[in-house]
N, C-alpha and C. Protein backbone atom coordinates (compact mmCIF):
# COMPACT_ATOMS: atom_id res chain seq x y z
N MET A 1 1.68 11.08 7.20
CA MET A 1 2.20 12.41 6.55
C MET A 1 0.40 13.03 6.21
N PHE A 2 -0.10 12.06 5.93
CA PHE A 2 -1.54 13.00 5.89
C PHE A 2 -2.69 12.69 6.58
N ILE A 3 -2.02 13.14 7.63
CA ILE A 3 -2.87 13.11 8.79
C ILE A 3 -3.33 14.76 9.39
N LYS A 4 -3.50 15.80 8.62
CA LYS A 4 -3.65 17.18 8.80
C LYS A 4 -4.63 17.59 7.98
N HIS A 5 -5.15 18.51 8.10
CA HIS A 5 -6.48 19.01 6.98
C HIS A 5 -5.43 20.09 6.07
N PHE A 6 -6.22 19.90 5.18
CA PHE A 6 -5.10 20.67 3.93
C PHE A 6 -5.02 22.16 4.27
N ASP A 7 -5.50 22.69 5.22
CA ASP A 7 -5.27 24.28 5.57
C ASP A 7 -4.16 24.15 6.81
N GLU A 8 -3.82 23.22 7.39
CA GLU A 8 -2.68 22.81 8.35
C GLU A 8 -1.40 22.65 7.71
N TYR A 9 -1.30 22.29 6.27
CA TYR A 9 -0.21 22.14 5.55
C TYR A 9 0.64 23.44 5.34
N GLU A 10 1.99 23.35 5.24
CA GLU A 10 2.62 24.85 4.57
C GLU A 10 3.57 23.61 3.41
N ILE A 11 3.95 24.87 2.62
CA ILE A 11 5.05 24.29 1.50
C ILE A 11 6.66 24.16 2.01
N GLY A 12 7.18 23.20 2.06
CA GLY A 12 8.41 22.89 2.40
C GLY A 12 8.31 22.18 3.77
N GLU A 13 6.90 21.71 4.14
CA GLU A 13 7.26 20.93 5.37
C GLU A 13 7.49 19.36 4.57
N THR A 14 8.42 18.97 5.63
CA THR A 14 8.53 17.59 5.59
C THR A 14 8.49 16.54 6.66
N TRP A 15 8.20 15.57 6.30
CA TRP A 15 7.91 14.43 7.31
C TRP A 15 8.89 12.95 7.09
N THR A 16 9.28 12.04 7.71
CA THR A 16 9.97 10.91 7.51
C THR A 16 8.87 9.93 8.59
N SER A 17 9.37 8.65 7.73
CA SER A 17 8.25 7.66 8.35
C SER A 17 9.38 6.69 8.79
N GLU A 18 8.40 5.63 9.87
CA GLU A 18 9.10 4.66 10.09
C GLU A 18 9.58 3.98 9.22
N GLY A 19 10.45 2.53 9.73
CA GLY A 19 11.34 1.64 8.47
C GLY A 19 10.15 0.48 8.41
N ARG A 20 10.98 -0.18 7.25
CA ARG A 20 10.10 -1.37 7.23
C ARG A 20 11.23 -2.20 6.38
N THR A 21 11.07 -3.65 6.91
CA THR A 21 12.04 -4.64 6.07
C THR A 21 11.25 -5.38 4.96
N ILE A 22 12.05 -5.31 3.57
CA ILE A 22 11.56 -6.10 2.62
C ILE A 22 11.73 -7.70 2.68
N THR A 23 11.22 -8.41 2.67
CA THR A 23 11.15 -10.04 3.21
C THR A 23 10.98 -10.87 2.02
N GLU A 24 11.45 -12.34 2.07
CA GLU A 24 11.13 -13.19 1.14
C GLU A 24 9.91 -13.21 0.75
N ALA A 25 8.93 -13.41 1.93
CA ALA A 25 7.51 -13.12 1.96
C ALA A 25 6.74 -12.19 1.07
N ASP A 26 7.82 -10.68 1.11
CA ASP A 26 6.76 -10.21 0.82
C ASP A 26 6.99 -10.29 -0.95
N ILE A 27 8.14 -10.59 -1.30
CA ILE A 27 8.51 -10.91 -2.53
C ILE A 27 7.51 -11.97 -3.22
N VAL A 28 7.41 -13.29 -2.55
CA VAL A 28 6.51 -14.04 -3.06
C VAL A 28 4.83 -14.09 -3.10
N ASN A 29 4.68 -12.87 -1.87
CA ASN A 29 2.90 -12.26 -1.76
C ASN A 29 2.91 -11.69 -2.85
N PHE A 30 4.00 -10.56 -3.37
CA PHE A 30 3.47 -9.86 -4.43
C PHE A 30 3.62 -10.25 -5.99
N ALA A 31 4.45 -11.09 -5.97
CA ALA A 31 4.30 -12.02 -7.44
C ALA A 31 2.99 -12.82 -7.55
N SER A 32 2.60 -13.66 -6.45
CA SER A 32 1.38 -14.24 -6.55
C SER A 32 0.07 -13.50 -6.82
N LEU A 33 0.23 -12.11 -5.85
CA LEU A 33 -1.29 -11.09 -6.28
C LEU A 33 -0.89 -10.66 -7.73
N SER A 34 0.19 -10.13 -7.99
CA SER A 34 0.20 -9.41 -9.38
C SER A 34 0.44 -10.27 -10.35
N GLY A 35 0.96 -11.63 -9.99
CA GLY A 35 1.31 -12.33 -11.42
C GLY A 35 2.51 -12.19 -12.23
N ASP A 36 3.39 -11.33 -11.57
CA ASP A 36 4.51 -10.84 -11.76
C ASP A 36 5.79 -11.80 -11.65
N TRP A 37 6.15 -12.95 -12.19
CA TRP A 37 6.91 -13.81 -11.64
C TRP A 37 8.36 -13.92 -12.56
N TYR A 38 8.48 -12.74 -13.10
CA TYR A 38 10.02 -12.52 -13.67
C TYR A 38 10.91 -12.94 -12.80
N PRO A 39 11.66 -13.83 -13.34
CA PRO A 39 12.97 -14.50 -12.53
C PRO A 39 14.30 -13.50 -11.77
N LEU A 40 14.17 -12.40 -12.13
CA LEU A 40 14.96 -11.40 -11.52
C LEU A 40 14.42 -11.13 -9.85
N HIS A 41 13.25 -11.59 -9.85
CA HIS A 41 12.54 -11.34 -8.70
C HIS A 41 12.55 -13.01 -7.88
N THR A 42 12.29 -14.00 -8.76
CA THR A 42 11.90 -15.14 -8.17
C THR A 42 12.39 -16.38 -8.32
N ASN A 43 14.03 -15.89 -9.20
CA ASN A 43 14.83 -17.20 -9.18
C ASN A 43 16.29 -16.81 -8.83
N ALA A 44 16.60 -17.58 -7.67
CA ALA A 44 17.91 -16.98 -7.51
C ALA A 44 18.93 -17.27 -8.10
N GLU A 45 18.99 -18.30 -9.19
CA GLU A 45 19.90 -18.76 -10.13
C GLU A 45 20.08 -18.03 -11.07
N TYR A 46 18.81 -17.60 -11.64
CA TYR A 46 18.63 -16.41 -12.74
C TYR A 46 19.59 -15.41 -12.48
N ALA A 47 19.03 -14.65 -11.13
CA ALA A 47 19.43 -13.20 -10.59
C ALA A 47 21.04 -13.44 -10.34
N LYS A 48 21.62 -14.40 -10.63
CA LYS A 48 23.04 -14.44 -9.87
C LYS A 48 23.87 -13.92 -11.47
N SER A 49 23.12 -14.28 -12.80
CA SER A 49 23.49 -14.24 -13.94
C SER A 49 23.43 -12.45 -14.40
N THR A 50 22.86 -11.74 -13.25
CA THR A 50 22.43 -10.33 -13.83
C THR A 50 23.20 -9.39 -13.09
N PRO A 51 23.39 -8.06 -13.46
CA PRO A 51 24.28 -7.09 -12.44
C PRO A 51 24.05 -6.99 -11.60
N PHE A 52 22.93 -7.27 -10.80
CA PHE A 52 22.70 -7.30 -9.70
C PHE A 52 22.92 -8.34 -8.40
N LYS A 53 23.52 -9.57 -9.26
CA LYS A 53 23.95 -11.08 -8.68
C LYS A 53 23.22 -11.28 -7.52
N GLN A 54 22.00 -10.84 -7.25
CA GLN A 54 20.86 -11.47 -6.44
C GLN A 54 19.46 -11.27 -6.83
N ARG A 55 18.55 -11.66 -6.43
CA ARG A 55 17.15 -11.23 -6.56
C ARG A 55 16.79 -10.04 -5.76
N ILE A 56 15.90 -9.07 -6.91
CA ILE A 56 15.67 -7.66 -5.85
C ILE A 56 14.14 -7.55 -5.95
N ALA A 57 13.81 -6.77 -5.01
CA ALA A 57 12.38 -6.40 -4.87
C ALA A 57 11.57 -5.99 -6.06
N HIS A 58 10.32 -6.43 -6.54
CA HIS A 58 9.24 -6.07 -7.52
C HIS A 58 9.37 -4.06 -7.34
N GLY A 59 9.76 -3.40 -8.37
CA GLY A 59 9.61 -1.53 -8.15
C GLY A 59 8.29 -1.48 -7.22
N LEU A 60 7.36 -2.03 -8.00
CA LEU A 60 5.99 -1.52 -7.67
C LEU A 60 5.44 -2.33 -6.14
N LEU A 61 6.38 -3.12 -5.64
CA LEU A 61 6.14 -3.87 -4.16
C LEU A 61 6.80 -2.57 -3.26
N VAL A 62 8.00 -2.36 -3.73
CA VAL A 62 8.50 -1.33 -3.32
C VAL A 62 7.75 -0.17 -2.81
N LEU A 63 7.12 0.65 -3.94
CA LEU A 63 6.27 1.18 -3.91
C LEU A 63 5.27 1.04 -3.11
N SER A 64 4.54 0.27 -3.10
CA SER A 64 3.21 -0.24 -2.25
C SER A 64 3.52 -0.37 -0.72
N ALA A 65 5.06 -0.74 -0.65
CA ALA A 65 5.45 -1.13 0.96
C ALA A 65 5.14 0.26 1.30
N ALA A 66 5.99 1.46 0.51
CA ALA A 66 5.91 2.53 1.26
C ALA A 66 5.05 3.59 1.17
N SER A 67 3.73 2.84 0.36
CA SER A 67 2.53 3.61 0.81
C SER A 67 1.99 3.48 2.08
N GLY A 68 2.31 2.11 2.40
CA GLY A 68 1.71 1.55 4.00
C GLY A 68 2.40 2.29 4.86
N LEU A 69 4.02 3.04 4.64
CA LEU A 69 4.36 3.64 5.20
C LEU A 69 3.65 4.95 5.94
N GLN A 70 2.87 5.46 4.78
CA GLN A 70 2.44 6.80 4.94
C GLN A 70 1.16 6.63 5.97
N LEU A 71 1.15 7.59 6.41
CA LEU A 71 0.43 7.76 7.60
C LEU A 71 -1.41 8.51 6.66
N PHE A 72 -2.31 7.96 6.83
CA PHE A 72 -3.46 8.46 6.36
C PHE A 72 -4.69 8.47 7.27
N LYS A 73 -5.50 9.69 7.71
CA LYS A 73 -6.01 9.34 8.48
C LYS A 73 -7.53 9.84 8.02
N THR A 74 -8.45 8.56 8.66
CA THR A 74 -9.95 8.78 7.98
C THR A 74 -10.88 9.88 8.27
N GLY A 75 -11.17 10.02 7.40
CA GLY A 75 -11.93 11.32 7.66
C GLY A 75 -11.01 12.70 6.98
N VAL A 76 -10.19 12.74 6.83
CA VAL A 76 -9.15 13.70 6.35
C VAL A 76 -8.46 13.85 5.20
N VAL A 77 -8.22 12.32 4.74
CA VAL A 77 -8.10 11.79 3.21
C VAL A 77 -9.13 11.66 2.95
N VAL A 78 -9.44 12.64 1.54
CA VAL A 78 -10.50 11.87 0.63
C VAL A 78 -10.24 10.96 -0.45
N ALA A 79 -9.03 10.96 -0.88
CA ALA A 79 -8.61 10.04 -1.82
C ALA A 79 -7.30 9.88 -2.53
N PHE A 80 -6.59 9.32 -2.82
CA PHE A 80 -5.32 9.23 -3.60
C PHE A 80 -5.31 10.03 -4.86
N TYR A 81 -5.03 11.24 -5.18
CA TYR A 81 -5.10 11.76 -6.43
C TYR A 81 -4.19 11.31 -7.84
N GLY A 82 -2.82 11.05 -7.40
CA GLY A 82 -2.22 10.66 -8.32
C GLY A 82 -0.61 10.57 -8.09
N MET A 83 0.06 10.52 -9.17
CA MET A 83 1.44 10.34 -9.02
C MET A 83 2.09 10.74 -10.17
N GLU A 84 3.31 11.01 -9.94
CA GLU A 84 3.86 11.81 -11.20
C GLU A 84 5.37 11.77 -11.24
N ASP A 85 6.47 11.41 -12.21
CA ASP A 85 7.02 11.62 -11.81
C ASP A 85 8.28 10.63 -11.45
N LEU A 86 8.12 9.35 -11.78
CA LEU A 86 7.84 7.90 -10.90
C LEU A 86 9.25 7.70 -11.57
N ARG A 87 10.30 7.23 -10.58
CA ARG A 87 11.52 6.44 -11.07
C ARG A 87 11.91 5.54 -10.14
N PHE A 88 12.50 4.62 -10.68
CA PHE A 88 13.13 3.18 -9.67
C PHE A 88 14.80 3.90 -9.72
N LEU A 89 15.37 4.36 -8.99
CA LEU A 89 16.90 4.38 -9.04
C LEU A 89 17.81 3.57 -8.85
N GLN A 90 17.43 2.81 -7.70
CA GLN A 90 18.45 1.68 -7.20
C GLN A 90 17.65 0.29 -6.74
N PRO A 91 18.69 -1.02 -7.00
CA PRO A 91 17.41 -1.79 -6.71
C PRO A 91 17.34 -1.96 -4.96
N THR A 92 16.48 -2.59 -4.58
CA THR A 92 15.66 -3.09 -3.24
C THR A 92 15.89 -4.33 -2.90
N PHE A 93 16.76 -5.07 -2.42
CA PHE A 93 17.51 -6.36 -1.94
C PHE A 93 16.43 -7.00 -0.82
N ILE A 94 16.18 -8.37 -0.78
CA ILE A 94 15.27 -9.10 0.36
C ILE A 94 16.44 -8.91 1.90
N GLY A 95 15.74 -8.12 2.80
CA GLY A 95 16.57 -7.66 3.72
C GLY A 95 16.59 -6.36 3.66
N ASP A 96 16.38 -5.48 2.85
CA ASP A 96 16.45 -4.16 3.02
C ASP A 96 15.35 -3.36 3.51
N THR A 97 15.98 -2.36 4.69
CA THR A 97 15.00 -1.69 5.06
C THR A 97 14.53 -0.45 4.40
N ILE A 98 13.36 -0.05 4.30
CA ILE A 98 13.20 1.34 3.53
C ILE A 98 12.49 1.93 4.46
N HIS A 99 12.31 3.74 4.26
CA HIS A 99 11.58 4.54 4.81
C HIS A 99 11.44 5.36 3.77
N ILE A 100 10.46 6.17 4.13
CA ILE A 100 10.15 7.25 3.33
C ILE A 100 10.43 8.78 3.86
N ASN A 101 10.98 10.11 3.21
CA ASN A 101 11.32 11.20 3.39
C ASN A 101 10.19 12.25 2.34
N MET A 102 9.48 12.88 2.93
CA MET A 102 8.44 13.78 2.18
C MET A 102 8.61 14.94 2.28
N THR A 103 8.45 16.06 1.40
CA THR A 103 8.30 17.24 1.30
C THR A 103 7.31 17.83 0.51
N VAL A 104 6.52 18.65 1.08
CA VAL A 104 5.22 19.22 0.94
C VAL A 104 5.69 20.50 -0.27
N THR A 105 5.41 20.27 -1.66
CA THR A 105 5.88 21.14 -2.77
C THR A 105 4.85 21.92 -3.23
N GLU A 106 3.48 21.48 -2.70
CA GLU A 106 2.39 22.82 -3.60
C GLU A 106 0.99 22.29 -2.90
N LEU A 107 0.42 23.23 -2.47
CA LEU A 107 -0.81 23.38 -2.15
C LEU A 107 -2.12 23.77 -3.17
N LYS A 108 -2.95 23.13 -3.54
CA LYS A 108 -3.89 23.61 -4.83
C LYS A 108 -5.47 23.52 -3.88
N ASP A 109 -6.21 24.63 -3.49
CA ASP A 109 -7.58 24.93 -3.03
C ASP A 109 -8.17 24.06 -4.49
N LYS A 110 -9.28 23.18 -4.09
CA LYS A 110 -10.14 22.34 -5.05
C LYS A 110 -11.35 23.26 -5.14
N GLY A 111 -11.82 24.08 -3.82
CA GLY A 111 -13.06 24.11 -3.36
C GLY A 111 -13.92 23.51 -2.86
N LYS A 112 -15.01 23.27 -2.50
CA LYS A 112 -16.19 22.20 -1.96
C LYS A 112 -15.17 21.56 -0.63
N GLY A 113 -14.63 22.42 0.23
CA GLY A 113 -14.31 22.09 1.16
C GLY A 113 -12.64 20.71 1.01
N THR A 114 -12.03 20.69 0.07
CA THR A 114 -11.10 20.01 -0.32
C THR A 114 -9.98 21.24 -1.07
N GLY A 115 -8.43 20.52 -0.81
CA GLY A 115 -7.39 20.71 -1.53
C GLY A 115 -6.52 19.40 -1.55
N ILE A 116 -5.63 19.82 -2.86
CA ILE A 116 -4.68 18.69 -3.07
C ILE A 116 -3.28 19.65 -2.48
N VAL A 117 -2.74 18.00 -1.59
CA VAL A 117 -1.35 18.56 -0.92
C VAL A 117 -0.67 17.87 -1.56
N THR A 118 0.28 17.93 -2.57
CA THR A 118 1.34 17.59 -3.26
C THR A 118 2.25 17.31 -2.66
N ALA A 119 3.31 16.29 -2.61
CA ALA A 119 4.53 16.00 -1.90
C ALA A 119 5.45 15.34 -2.99
N ARG A 120 6.99 15.94 -2.53
CA ARG A 120 7.87 14.69 -3.07
C ARG A 120 8.55 13.77 -2.45
N GLN A 121 8.00 12.23 -2.61
CA GLN A 121 8.46 11.25 -1.68
C GLN A 121 9.74 10.57 -2.33
N GLU A 122 10.58 10.65 -1.41
CA GLU A 122 11.71 9.91 -1.85
C GLU A 122 11.81 8.56 -0.75
N ILE A 123 12.26 7.20 -1.51
CA ILE A 123 12.08 6.07 -0.91
C ILE A 123 13.30 5.61 -0.45
N MET A 124 14.23 5.53 0.39
CA MET A 124 15.19 5.46 1.08
C MET A 124 15.46 3.99 1.89
N LYS A 125 16.59 3.54 1.58
CA LYS A 125 17.04 2.05 2.28
C LYS A 125 17.88 2.50 3.37
N GLN A 126 18.30 1.70 4.59
CA GLN A 126 19.19 1.96 5.13
C GLN A 126 20.34 2.09 4.73
N THR A 127 21.01 1.77 3.98
CA THR A 127 22.33 2.63 3.22
C THR A 127 22.37 3.99 3.17
N GLY A 128 21.24 4.75 3.28
CA GLY A 128 20.98 5.93 2.78
C GLY A 128 20.67 6.31 1.24
N GLU A 129 20.96 5.37 0.37
CA GLU A 129 20.73 5.51 -1.19
C GLU A 129 19.22 5.06 -1.57
N THR A 130 18.81 6.36 -2.34
CA THR A 130 17.38 6.69 -2.66
C THR A 130 17.37 5.65 -4.02
N VAL A 131 15.90 4.62 -3.62
CA VAL A 131 15.73 3.91 -4.49
C VAL A 131 14.60 4.12 -5.21
N VAL A 132 13.81 4.68 -4.91
CA VAL A 132 12.78 5.47 -5.45
C VAL A 132 12.06 6.77 -5.51
N VAL A 133 11.50 7.67 -6.64
CA VAL A 133 11.26 8.98 -6.34
C VAL A 133 10.14 9.05 -7.09
N ALA A 134 9.09 10.02 -6.29
CA ALA A 134 8.22 10.24 -7.27
C ALA A 134 7.21 11.67 -6.36
N THR A 135 6.40 12.20 -7.21
CA THR A 135 5.73 13.25 -6.65
C THR A 135 4.07 12.74 -6.65
N VAL A 136 3.53 12.98 -5.31
CA VAL A 136 2.29 12.28 -4.72
C VAL A 136 1.37 13.37 -4.83
N LYS A 137 0.19 12.89 -5.08
CA LYS A 137 -1.25 14.19 -4.92
C LYS A 137 -1.81 13.51 -3.95
N VAL A 138 -2.82 14.00 -3.03
CA VAL A 138 -3.97 13.64 -2.10
C VAL A 138 -4.81 14.65 -1.79
N LEU A 139 -6.05 14.01 -2.02
CA LEU A 139 -6.96 15.14 -1.77
C LEU A 139 -7.32 15.36 -0.52
N ILE A 140 -7.74 16.36 0.12
CA ILE A 140 -7.54 16.18 1.34
C ILE A 140 -8.72 17.48 1.76
N ASN A 141 -9.31 17.24 3.08
CA ASN A 141 -10.64 17.72 3.65
C ASN A 141 -9.80 18.98 4.29
N LYS A 142 -10.55 20.29 4.38
CA LYS A 142 -10.10 21.40 4.76
C LYS A 142 -10.26 21.24 6.12
């Protein structure tokens, strides 16, 4: 998504990523990295007693995996500028395949050869359900 210079973007422009399957290894590695061993993510017996009936991926794991699905071009992207209106709407289970749909919603010239591209991000899974939504902002060179 973020592979073009600022002046090349248009409001309303859309982009869809490739897919990525969330695995058992993802959950274990994310729990190890973050220190978040909450049993809903890491204890199958505990998870059976919840409304989900099985373990779910950490919300921040799903968000991080989706970030990896975005395309960032060196020399074009200056920095990730921020995120707003983040909501986790549905669980993501081991074996679910996610992808992202993005729509450019705002373009703001920051001067000094840069601008902020704002996009609405929807993280979807193979069932067509939206699991995460957010507004992302990226500082882009002109």
